[in-house]
Every structure is written in structure tokens, then in C-alpha cells.
């Protein structure tokens, strides 16, 4: 199947505006963060938006696996001067662009001042070319993850109803509050078993934040529910096929939920 044309007009052909940068992150791995990043990008592209997904999980990247891509050039090559930034941006299924990171790069297990400066420069360079840049971060609260999140205008925290996911989500909110003074963090509740479960989880987390974080926070944290995505067999099947859910099963309940997320993000 041919890859859809990606919208990425040259800077001189588009109005003077900067991409809205959204960090898609999670306290715990395995909650569907990368899967949601890719499909959310596809949903935004379907709405006519110019979208780039940057794999900010430096060293443990798997966005290429989700998208069934085999990159010859990665962000690592850009950082080391082996390739240009332009050459590292590739079209993805779904009509958006991706900038993939290398996998198994132990040098990115800790954040150096050089990598900080390079990542910031990449985002500044690309911001005029896109409407949305999604940073698919790693899970947890390592310095690499937290720095990537600090570069974003907004944060989407992916969480499930599992106790470990809830606990790690709270830890992430606490760190983002104390270190980055985030006033608003948006939640995406994945794999819900019933309608309204996302609202209940948001309320539960907000109560804990109000009790243990906000009393001493420089700025009180408000958790906003960006949306909920139901547990859906179509998700598992699309992952196994290494296809976007929105292309393999566009009429599925989960695909409709992702489109609803995109509708809230698009202008």
C-alpha cells in the first residue's frame, strides 16, 4: 500500500506560526503510549493538520516497530553529524512525518548538556514547518524523559486503571509539578472497560494530587481529561499487524475514541 502524502509545506509557503508541541508520556511502560502517539498523529493528519512525531524515547525507541518502518537514518545520526535533519524526517503511514530515534544507544541513558542542546535545536528548527509536534517520550521520570517533557507546550499523560499505572502516574504528576511547575496536565485513560471510567480515574487522581501535591505546590495542578480509549480487540490485532489502528480498523470503538482526542487538539 502506498504511503499517503505528508503535508509539510516549506516555511516560506505557510503562515508565520509555530507548531503546538505535545509531550505524550506515561509513568509506566506498557500502557499504549507509543501506539496512541502514532494513531493520534494519523487522526490529526486526517483533519488536514501538518504533524510530526518525534521519537523522544532516546535509546529505547520503538516507534519504528509500531509503524513498520525500517529507518536508515535516525536522530542519533543527526546528533553525531552523520546525516542532516532533513534526511532523517521520513513519511509514515497515516499521512504524517516521523523523526525516529536509534534503539539500544546506551549513551542516551543519561542526558548530557550536548544532547539537551541538540534536542532543543531540533524542535526549534522544525516548529515552523508543522502544526503539531508530538514527542513520544519514554516512560517514567528519568532526566531524559523529564527534559523532553519540559520542551512541550502541553502534556498528555497516558494511564490505565491498573494500580501500578495509577501510582506511577501520580509520581509523574508530582515531579512535573515540583520541577516544571505545570498547572495543567491532560490525561488520556487507555484500555477502559466501560464508558465513564476515564472520568472516574481522573477524579481519583485529582483527589490524591489535591491532598498531597497542591497544598505545597507553587502552582496548583489541574488534571484535565483529554479522553478515554476503550479496550478493543482491534487494537491488539492492529499492533500484531504493525498497522495503524485508524487504517486497519477505522470503524472500531478505539479508533473513534482516538479521533475524538484529535478533535480536541486540532484548532
C-alpha atoms as a PDB file:
ATOM      1  CA  UNK A   1       0.000   0.000   0.000  1.00  0.00           C
ATOM      2  CA  UNK A   2       1.349   3.405  -0.954  1.00  0.00           C
ATOM      3  CA  UNK A   3       2.244   5.803   1.824  1.00  0.00           C
ATOM      4  CA  UNK A   4      -0.150   8.776   1.907  1.00  0.00           C
ATOM      5  CA  UNK A   5       1.277  12.145   1.004  1.00  0.00           C
ATOM      6  CA  UNK A   6       2.524  14.026   4.030  1.00  0.00           C
ATOM      7  CA  UNK A   7       1.667  17.693   4.437  1.00  0.00           C
ATOM      8  CA  UNK A   8       4.809  19.644   5.251  1.00  0.00           C
ATOM      9  CA  UNK A   9       4.888  22.863   3.303  1.00  0.00           C
ATOM     10  CA  UNK A  10       8.180  24.785   3.037  1.00  0.00           C
ATOM     11  CA  UNK A  11       8.437  27.604   5.610  1.00  0.00           C
ATOM     12  CA  UNK A  12       8.003  30.325   3.005  1.00  0.00           C
ATOM     13  CA  UNK A  13       4.694  28.810   1.852  1.00  0.00           C
ATOM     14  CA  UNK A  14       2.913  28.817   5.193  1.00  0.00           C
ATOM     15  CA  UNK A  15       1.801  31.464   7.673  1.00  0.00           C
ATOM     16  CA  UNK A  16       4.100  32.522  10.483  1.00  0.00           C
ATOM     17  CA  UNK A  17       3.077  30.230  13.308  1.00  0.00           C
ATOM     18  CA  UNK A  18       4.776  27.669  15.477  1.00  0.00           C
ATOM     19  CA  UNK A  19       3.790  24.066  15.971  1.00  0.00           C
ATOM     20  CA  UNK A  20       1.997  23.183  19.172  1.00  0.00           C
ATOM     21  CA  UNK A  21       4.300  20.720  20.933  1.00  0.00           C
ATOM     22  CA  UNK A  22       2.585  17.937  22.880  1.00  0.00           C
ATOM     23  CA  UNK A  23       4.555  15.506  25.034  1.00  0.00           C
ATOM     24  CA  UNK A  24       2.855  12.116  25.180  1.00  0.00           C
ATOM     25  CA  UNK A  25       4.254  10.439  28.257  1.00  0.00           C
ATOM     26  CA  UNK A  26       3.447   7.906  30.958  1.00  0.00           C
ATOM     27  CA  UNK A  27       4.609   6.946  34.399  1.00  0.00           C
ATOM     28  CA  UNK A  28       4.663   3.271  33.493  1.00  0.00           C
ATOM     29  CA  UNK A  29       5.592   1.427  30.342  1.00  0.00           C
ATOM     30  CA  UNK A  30       3.175  -0.825  28.525  1.00  0.00           C
ATOM     31  CA  UNK A  31       0.137   1.460  28.727  1.00  0.00           C
ATOM     32  CA  UNK A  32      -0.063   2.116  24.977  1.00  0.00           C
ATOM     33  CA  UNK A  33       1.747   5.457  24.845  1.00  0.00           C
ATOM     34  CA  UNK A  34       3.582   4.967  21.541  1.00  0.00           C
ATOM     35  CA  UNK A  35       0.559   3.324  19.937  1.00  0.00           C
ATOM     36  CA  UNK A  36      -1.568   6.313  20.919  1.00  0.00           C
ATOM     37  CA  UNK A  37       1.051   8.810  19.716  1.00  0.00           C
ATOM     38  CA  UNK A  38       1.125   7.240  16.254  1.00  0.00           C
ATOM     39  CA  UNK A  39      -2.624   6.939  15.867  1.00  0.00           C
ATOM     40  CA  UNK A  40      -3.274  10.391  17.285  1.00  0.00           C
ATOM     41  CA  UNK A  41      -0.859  11.783  14.700  1.00  0.00           C
ATOM     42  CA  UNK A  42      -2.769   9.954  11.960  1.00  0.00           C
ATOM     43  CA  UNK A  43      -6.072  11.321  13.250  1.00  0.00           C
ATOM     44  CA  UNK A  44      -4.698  14.872  13.240  1.00  0.00           C
ATOM     45  CA  UNK A  45      -3.323  14.391   9.726  1.00  0.00           C
ATOM     46  CA  UNK A  46      -6.750  13.248   8.554  1.00  0.00           C
ATOM     47  CA  UNK A  47      -8.074  16.600   9.751  1.00  0.00           C
ATOM     48  CA  UNK A  48      -5.637  18.395   7.457  1.00  0.00           C
ATOM     49  CA  UNK A  49      -3.022  19.159  10.108  1.00  0.00           C
ATOM     50  CA  UNK A  50       0.724  19.036   9.460  1.00  0.00           C
ATOM     51  CA  UNK A  51       2.056  16.617  12.047  1.00  0.00           C
ATOM     52  CA  UNK A  52       5.461  15.330  13.096  1.00  0.00           C
ATOM     53  CA  UNK A  53       6.031  12.600  15.671  1.00  0.00           C
ATOM     54  CA  UNK A  54       9.476  12.798  17.236  1.00  0.00           C
ATOM     55  CA  UNK A  55      10.587   9.636  18.994  1.00  0.00           C
ATOM     56  CA  UNK A  56      11.952  11.160  22.173  1.00  0.00           C
ATOM     57  CA  UNK A  57      12.495   7.779  23.850  1.00  0.00           C
ATOM     58  CA  UNK A  58      16.201   8.141  23.177  1.00  0.00           C
ATOM     59  CA  UNK A  59      17.986   4.801  23.268  1.00  0.00           C
ATOM     60  CA  UNK A  60      14.866   2.620  23.672  1.00  0.00           C
ATOM     61  CA  UNK A  61      12.914   3.713  20.641  1.00  0.00           C
ATOM     62  CA  UNK A  62      10.109   1.541  19.238  1.00  0.00           C
ATOM     63  CA  UNK A  63       8.019   3.941  17.173  1.00  0.00           C
ATOM     64  CA  UNK A  64       9.542   2.341  14.090  1.00  0.00           C
ATOM     65  CA  UNK A  65       8.174  -1.046  15.181  1.00  0.00           C
ATOM     66  CA  UNK A  66       4.653   0.319  15.662  1.00  0.00           C
ATOM     67  CA  UNK A  67       4.744   1.926  12.210  1.00  0.00           C
ATOM     68  CA  UNK A  68       6.535  -0.974  10.491  1.00  0.00           C
ATOM     69  CA  UNK A  69       9.327   1.319   9.333  1.00  0.00           C
ATOM     70  CA  UNK A  70      12.964   0.439   8.776  1.00  0.00           C
ATOM     71  CA  UNK A  71      14.836   3.727   9.061  1.00  0.00           C
ATOM     72  CA  UNK A  72      18.272   4.112   7.523  1.00  0.00           C
ATOM     73  CA  UNK A  73      18.808   7.456   9.255  1.00  0.00           C
ATOM     74  CA  UNK A  74      17.818   8.263  12.836  1.00  0.00           C
ATOM     75  CA  UNK A  75      18.055  11.119  15.289  1.00  0.00           C
ATOM     76  CA  UNK A  76      21.295   9.567  16.504  1.00  0.00           C
ATOM     77  CA  UNK A  77      22.816  10.151  13.068  1.00  0.00           C
ATOM     78  CA  UNK A  78      21.703  13.784  13.203  1.00  0.00           C
ATOM     79  CA  UNK A  79      23.185  14.270  16.668  1.00  0.00           C
ATOM     80  CA  UNK A  80      26.518  12.755  15.600  1.00  0.00           C
ATOM     81  CA  UNK A  81      26.683  14.779  12.389  1.00  0.00           C
ATOM     82  CA  UNK A  82      26.427  11.761  10.097  1.00  0.00           C
ATOM     83  CA  UNK A  83      23.224  12.993   8.448  1.00  0.00           C
ATOM     84  CA  UNK A  84      21.155  16.128   8.089  1.00  0.00           C
ATOM     85  CA  UNK A  85      17.950  16.733   9.974  1.00  0.00           C
ATOM     86  CA  UNK A  86      16.069  16.927   6.689  1.00  0.00           C
ATOM     87  CA  UNK A  87      17.248  13.458   5.668  1.00  0.00           C
ATOM     88  CA  UNK A  88      16.136  11.978   8.985  1.00  0.00           C
ATOM     89  CA  UNK A  89      12.490  13.053   8.589  1.00  0.00           C
ATOM     90  CA  UNK A  90      10.521  10.331   6.827  1.00  0.00           C
ATOM     91  CA  UNK A  91       6.864   9.928   5.833  1.00  0.00           C
ATOM     92  CA  UNK A  92       4.806   7.485   7.871  1.00  0.00           C
ATOM     93  CA  UNK A  93       1.616   5.598   7.077  1.00  0.00           C
ATOM     94  CA  UNK A  94      -1.278   7.840   8.024  1.00  0.00           C
ATOM     95  CA  UNK A  95      -0.048  10.977   6.315  1.00  0.00           C
ATOM     96  CA  UNK A  96       2.291  12.394   8.955  1.00  0.00           C
ATOM     97  CA  UNK A  97       6.060  12.701   9.346  1.00  0.00           C
ATOM     98  CA  UNK A  98       8.326  10.952  11.828  1.00  0.00           C
ATOM     99  CA  UNK A  99      11.771  11.550  13.234  1.00  0.00           C
ATOM    100  CA  UNK A 100      12.915   8.237  14.631  1.00  0.00           C
ATOM    101  CA  UNK A 101      15.487   7.644  17.343  1.00  0.00           C
ATOM    102  CA  UNK A 102      18.042   4.868  17.447  1.00  0.00           C
ATOM    103  CA  UNK A 103      17.416   1.841  19.652  1.00  0.00           C
ATOM    104  CA  UNK A 104      19.915   0.375  22.092  1.00  0.00           C
ATOM    105  CA  UNK A 105      22.004   3.535  22.336  1.00  0.00           C
ATOM    106  CA  UNK A 106      23.460   3.344  25.833  1.00  0.00           C
ATOM    107  CA  UNK A 107      24.904   6.850  25.501  1.00  0.00           C
ATOM    108  CA  UNK A 108      21.362   8.228  25.816  1.00  0.00           C
ATOM    109  CA  UNK A 109      20.641   6.537  29.133  1.00  0.00           C
ATOM    110  CA  UNK A 110      21.726   9.797  30.754  1.00  0.00           C
ATOM    111  CA  UNK A 111      21.143  13.299  29.482  1.00  0.00           C
ATOM    112  CA  UNK A 112      24.232  15.299  28.633  1.00  0.00           C
ATOM    113  CA  UNK A 113      24.313  19.068  28.047  1.00  0.00           C
ATOM    114  CA  UNK A 114      25.150  18.373  24.395  1.00  0.00           C
ATOM    115  CA  UNK A 115      22.080  16.178  23.860  1.00  0.00           C
ATOM    116  CA  UNK A 116      19.908  18.742  25.643  1.00  0.00           C
ATOM    117  CA  UNK A 117      21.062  21.467  23.285  1.00  0.00           C
ATOM    118  CA  UNK A 118      20.691  19.262  20.204  1.00  0.00           C
ATOM    119  CA  UNK A 119      17.157  18.155  21.049  1.00  0.00           C
ATOM    120  CA  UNK A 120      16.077  21.720  21.745  1.00  0.00           C
ATOM    121  CA  UNK A 121      17.606  22.884  18.462  1.00  0.00           C
ATOM    122  CA  UNK A 122      15.799  20.138  16.518  1.00  0.00           C
ATOM    123  CA  UNK A 123      12.416  21.181  17.885  1.00  0.00           C
ATOM    124  CA  UNK A 124      13.076  24.888  17.295  1.00  0.00           C
ATOM    125  CA  UNK A 125      14.125  24.156  13.722  1.00  0.00           C
ATOM    126  CA  UNK A 126      11.061  22.039  12.942  1.00  0.00           C
ATOM    127  CA  UNK A 127       8.405  24.071  14.745  1.00  0.00           C
ATOM    128  CA  UNK A 128       7.735  26.491  11.855  1.00  0.00           C
ATOM    129  CA  UNK A 129       7.068  23.624   9.449  1.00  0.00           C
ATOM    130  CA  UNK A 130       4.305  21.814  11.316  1.00  0.00           C
ATOM    131  CA  UNK A 131       1.043  22.448  13.102  1.00  0.00           C
ATOM    132  CA  UNK A 132       1.665  19.766  15.726  1.00  0.00           C
ATOM    133  CA  UNK A 133       4.795  18.081  17.023  1.00  0.00           C
ATOM    134  CA  UNK A 134       4.141  15.044  19.212  1.00  0.00           C
ATOM    135  CA  UNK A 135       7.006  13.993  21.456  1.00  0.00           C
ATOM    136  CA  UNK A 136       6.703  10.278  22.133  1.00  0.00           C
ATOM    137  CA  UNK A 137       8.732  10.165  25.331  1.00  0.00           C
ATOM    138  CA  UNK A 138       9.973   7.236  27.335  1.00  0.00           C
ATOM    139  CA  UNK A 139       8.092   6.077  30.413  1.00  0.00           C
ATOM    140  CA  UNK A 140       8.953   7.141  33.941  1.00  0.00           C
ATOM    141  CA  UNK A 141      10.708  10.160  35.398  1.00  0.00           C
ATOM    142  CA  UNK A 142      14.291   9.851  34.187  1.00  0.00           C
ATOM    143  CA  UNK A 143      16.152  13.038  33.305  1.00  0.00           C
ATOM    144  CA  UNK A 144      15.824  12.206  29.600  1.00  0.00           C
ATOM    145  CA  UNK A 145      12.041  11.906  29.854  1.00  0.00           C
ATOM    146  CA  UNK A 146      11.619  14.984  32.018  1.00  0.00           C
ATOM    147  CA  UNK A 147      13.738  17.141  29.734  1.00  0.00           C
ATOM    148  CA  UNK A 148      11.739  16.067  26.680  1.00  0.00           C
ATOM    149  CA  UNK A 149       8.519  16.907  28.518  1.00  0.00           C
ATOM    150  CA  UNK A 150       9.919  20.303  29.527  1.00  0.00           C
ATOM    151  CA  UNK A 151      10.171  21.227  25.834  1.00  0.00           C
ATOM    152  CA  UNK A 152       6.441  20.758  25.265  1.00  0.00           C
ATOM    153  CA  UNK A 153       3.625  23.264  25.454  1.00  0.00           C
ATOM    154  CA  UNK A 154       1.222  20.612  26.742  1.00  0.00           C
ATOM    155  CA  UNK A 155       1.489  17.206  28.389  1.00  0.00           C
ATOM    156  CA  UNK A 156      -0.726  14.208  27.721  1.00  0.00           C
ATOM    157  CA  UNK A 157      -0.212  11.616  30.440  1.00  0.00           C
ATOM    158  CA  UNK A 158      -1.342   8.134  29.404  1.00  0.00           C
ATOM    159  CA  UNK A 159      -2.679   5.995  32.232  1.00  0.00           C
ATOM    160  CA  UNK A 160      -4.713   2.839  32.709  1.00  0.00           C
ATOM    161  CA  UNK A 161      -6.785   1.636  35.637  1.00  0.00           C
ATOM    162  CA  UNK A 162      -4.057  -0.764  36.803  1.00  0.00           C
ATOM    163  CA  UNK A 163      -2.842   0.165  40.307  1.00  0.00           C
ATOM    164  CA  UNK A 164       0.795   0.345  39.194  1.00  0.00           C
ATOM    165  CA  UNK A 165      -0.109   2.679  36.337  1.00  0.00           C
ATOM    166  CA  UNK A 166      -2.114   4.890  38.686  1.00  0.00           C
ATOM    167  CA  UNK A 167       0.724   5.020  41.228  1.00  0.00           C
ATOM    168  CA  UNK A 168       3.314   5.870  38.596  1.00  0.00           C
ATOM    169  CA  UNK A 169       1.005   8.455  37.030  1.00  0.00           C
ATOM    170  CA  UNK A 170       0.718  10.196  40.401  1.00  0.00           C
ATOM    171  CA  UNK A 171       4.514  10.152  40.768  1.00  0.00           C
ATOM    172  CA  UNK A 172       4.847  11.724  37.334  1.00  0.00           C
ATOM    173  CA  UNK A 173       2.330  14.453  38.151  1.00  0.00           C
ATOM    174  CA  UNK A 174       4.161  15.204  41.394  1.00  0.00           C
ATOM    175  CA  UNK A 175       7.526  15.569  39.650  1.00  0.00           C
ATOM    176  CA  UNK A 176       6.097  17.703  36.838  1.00  0.00           C
ATOM    177  CA  UNK A 177       4.509  19.942  39.456  1.00  0.00           C
ATOM    178  CA  UNK A 178       7.592  20.364  41.617  1.00  0.00           C
ATOM    179  CA  UNK A 179      10.211  20.575  38.856  1.00  0.00           C
ATOM    180  CA  UNK A 180       8.330  22.168  35.951  1.00  0.00           C
ATOM    181  CA  UNK A 181       5.503  23.918  37.809  1.00  0.00           C
ATOM    182  CA  UNK A 182       2.921  22.540  35.411  1.00  0.00           C
ATOM    183  CA  UNK A 183      -0.514  23.941  36.122  1.00  0.00           C
ATOM    184  CA  UNK A 184      -2.444  21.683  33.743  1.00  0.00           C
ATOM    185  CA  UNK A 185      -1.741  18.072  32.804  1.00  0.00           C
ATOM    186  CA  UNK A 186      -4.067  16.315  30.388  1.00  0.00           C
ATOM    187  CA  UNK A 187      -4.944  12.674  30.921  1.00  0.00           C
ATOM    188  CA  UNK A 188      -5.609  10.005  28.345  1.00  0.00           C
ATOM    189  CA  UNK A 189      -7.106   6.958  30.055  1.00  0.00           C
ATOM    190  CA  UNK A 190      -6.407   3.940  27.904  1.00  0.00           C
ATOM    191  CA  UNK A 191      -7.985   0.477  27.865  1.00  0.00           C
ATOM    192  CA  UNK A 192     -11.132   1.474  29.752  1.00  0.00           C
ATOM    193  CA  UNK A 193     -13.671  -1.283  30.272  1.00  0.00           C
ATOM    194  CA  UNK A 194     -16.752   0.929  30.479  1.00  0.00           C
ATOM    195  CA  UNK A 195     -17.898   4.372  29.434  1.00  0.00           C
ATOM    196  CA  UNK A 196     -17.083   6.994  32.051  1.00  0.00           C
ATOM    197  CA  UNK A 197     -14.192   5.082  33.600  1.00  0.00           C
ATOM    198  CA  UNK A 198     -11.826   7.800  32.430  1.00  0.00           C
ATOM    199  CA  UNK A 199     -13.721  10.466  34.371  1.00  0.00           C
ATOM    200  CA  UNK A 200     -13.600   8.319  37.497  1.00  0.00           C
ATOM    201  CA  UNK A 201      -9.849   7.769  37.194  1.00  0.00           C
ATOM    202  CA  UNK A 202      -9.227  11.469  36.614  1.00  0.00           C
ATOM    203  CA  UNK A 203     -11.274  12.319  39.702  1.00  0.00           C
ATOM    204  CA  UNK A 204      -9.417   9.736  41.773  1.00  0.00           C
ATOM    205  CA  UNK A 205      -6.018  11.041  40.729  1.00  0.00           C
ATOM    206  CA  UNK A 206      -7.107  14.661  41.236  1.00  0.00           C
ATOM    207  CA  UNK A 207      -8.161  13.911  44.814  1.00  0.00           C
ATOM    208  CA  UNK A 208      -4.727  12.461  45.584  1.00  0.00           C
ATOM    209  CA  UNK A 209      -2.987  15.404  43.903  1.00  0.00           C
ATOM    210  CA  UNK A 210      -5.154  17.876  45.818  1.00  0.00           C
ATOM    211  CA  UNK A 211      -4.248  16.191  49.095  1.00  0.00           C
ATOM    212  CA  UNK A 212      -0.536  15.564  48.688  1.00  0.00           C
ATOM    213  CA  UNK A 213       0.768  17.879  45.942  1.00  0.00           C
ATOM    214  CA  UNK A 214      -1.280  21.051  45.642  1.00  0.00           C
ATOM    215  CA  UNK A 215      -1.029  22.249  49.273  1.00  0.00           C
ATOM    216  CA  UNK A 216       2.688  22.948  48.807  1.00  0.00           C
ATOM    217  CA  UNK A 217       2.838  23.452  45.041  1.00  0.00           C
ATOM    218  CA  UNK A 218       3.943  26.774  43.562  1.00  0.00           C
ATOM    219  CA  UNK A 219       1.049  26.364  41.140  1.00  0.00           C
ATOM    220  CA  UNK A 220      -1.867  24.031  41.819  1.00  0.00           C
ATOM    221  CA  UNK A 221      -2.104  21.170  39.325  1.00  0.00           C
ATOM    222  CA  UNK A 222      -5.358  20.567  37.495  1.00  0.00           C
ATOM    223  CA  UNK A 223      -5.827  17.258  35.720  1.00  0.00           C
ATOM    224  CA  UNK A 224      -7.926  17.570  32.570  1.00  0.00           C
ATOM    225  CA  UNK A 225      -9.386  14.522  30.882  1.00  0.00           C
ATOM    226  CA  UNK A 226      -8.383  14.680  27.236  1.00  0.00           C
ATOM    227  CA  UNK A 227     -10.281  11.478  26.622  1.00  0.00           C
ATOM    228  CA  UNK A 228     -10.618   7.765  27.174  1.00  0.00           C
ATOM    229  CA  UNK A 229      -9.906   4.903  24.785  1.00  0.00           C
ATOM    230  CA  UNK A 230     -11.780   1.626  25.284  1.00  0.00           C
ATOM    231  CA  UNK A 231     -10.180  -1.783  25.484  1.00  0.00           C
ATOM    232  CA  UNK A 232     -10.698  -3.106  21.975  1.00  0.00           C
ATOM    233  CA  UNK A 233      -9.605  -6.320  20.277  1.00  0.00           C
ATOM    234  CA  UNK A 234      -8.941  -4.235  17.158  1.00  0.00           C
ATOM    235  CA  UNK A 235      -6.043  -2.569  18.966  1.00  0.00           C
ATOM    236  CA  UNK A 236      -4.286  -5.859  19.629  1.00  0.00           C
ATOM    237  CA  UNK A 237      -4.863  -7.018  16.071  1.00  0.00           C
ATOM    238  CA  UNK A 238      -3.509  -3.810  14.544  1.00  0.00           C
ATOM    239  CA  UNK A 239      -0.440  -3.974  16.789  1.00  0.00           C
ATOM    240  CA  UNK A 240       0.237  -7.552  15.710  1.00  0.00           C
ATOM    241  CA  UNK A 241      -0.121  -6.498  12.085  1.00  0.00           C
ATOM    242  CA  UNK A 242       2.126  -3.474  12.715  1.00  0.00           C
ATOM    243  CA  UNK A 243      -0.528  -1.236  11.196  1.00  0.00           C
ATOM    244  CA  UNK A 244      -2.156   1.948  12.386  1.00  0.00           C
ATOM    245  CA  UNK A 245      -5.487   1.284  14.049  1.00  0.00           C
ATOM    246  CA  UNK A 246      -7.040   4.140  12.076  1.00  0.00           C
ATOM    247  CA  UNK A 247      -6.086   2.448   8.812  1.00  0.00           C
ATOM    248  CA  UNK A 248      -6.662  -1.202   9.713  1.00  0.00           C
ATOM    249  CA  UNK A 249      -9.883  -0.752  11.721  1.00  0.00           C
ATOM    250  CA  UNK A 250     -11.146   2.806  11.197  1.00  0.00           C
ATOM    251  CA  UNK A 251     -14.652   1.961  12.388  1.00  0.00           C
ATOM    252  CA  UNK A 252     -13.554   0.368  15.671  1.00  0.00           C
ATOM    253  CA  UNK A 253     -14.515   1.872  19.013  1.00  0.00           C
ATOM    254  CA  UNK A 254     -10.895   2.630  19.858  1.00  0.00           C
ATOM    255  CA  UNK A 255     -10.317   4.379  16.513  1.00  0.00           C
ATOM    256  CA  UNK A 256     -13.370   6.562  17.069  1.00  0.00           C
ATOM    257  CA  UNK A 257     -12.042   7.451  20.524  1.00  0.00           C
ATOM    258  CA  UNK A 258      -8.657   8.470  19.094  1.00  0.00           C
ATOM    259  CA  UNK A 259     -10.423  10.659  16.538  1.00  0.00           C
ATOM    260  CA  UNK A 260     -12.257  12.318  19.406  1.00  0.00           C
ATOM    261  CA  UNK A 261      -8.900  13.073  21.061  1.00  0.00           C
ATOM    262  CA  UNK A 262      -7.660  14.665  17.843  1.00  0.00           C
ATOM    263  CA  UNK A 263     -10.780  16.809  17.595  1.00  0.00           C
ATOM    264  CA  UNK A 264      -9.899  18.359  20.969  1.00  0.00           C
ATOM    265  CA  UNK A 265      -6.348  19.137  19.895  1.00  0.00           C
ATOM    266  CA  UNK A 266      -6.972  20.488  16.409  1.00  0.00           C
ATOM    267  CA  UNK A 267      -7.822  24.213  16.160  1.00  0.00           C
END
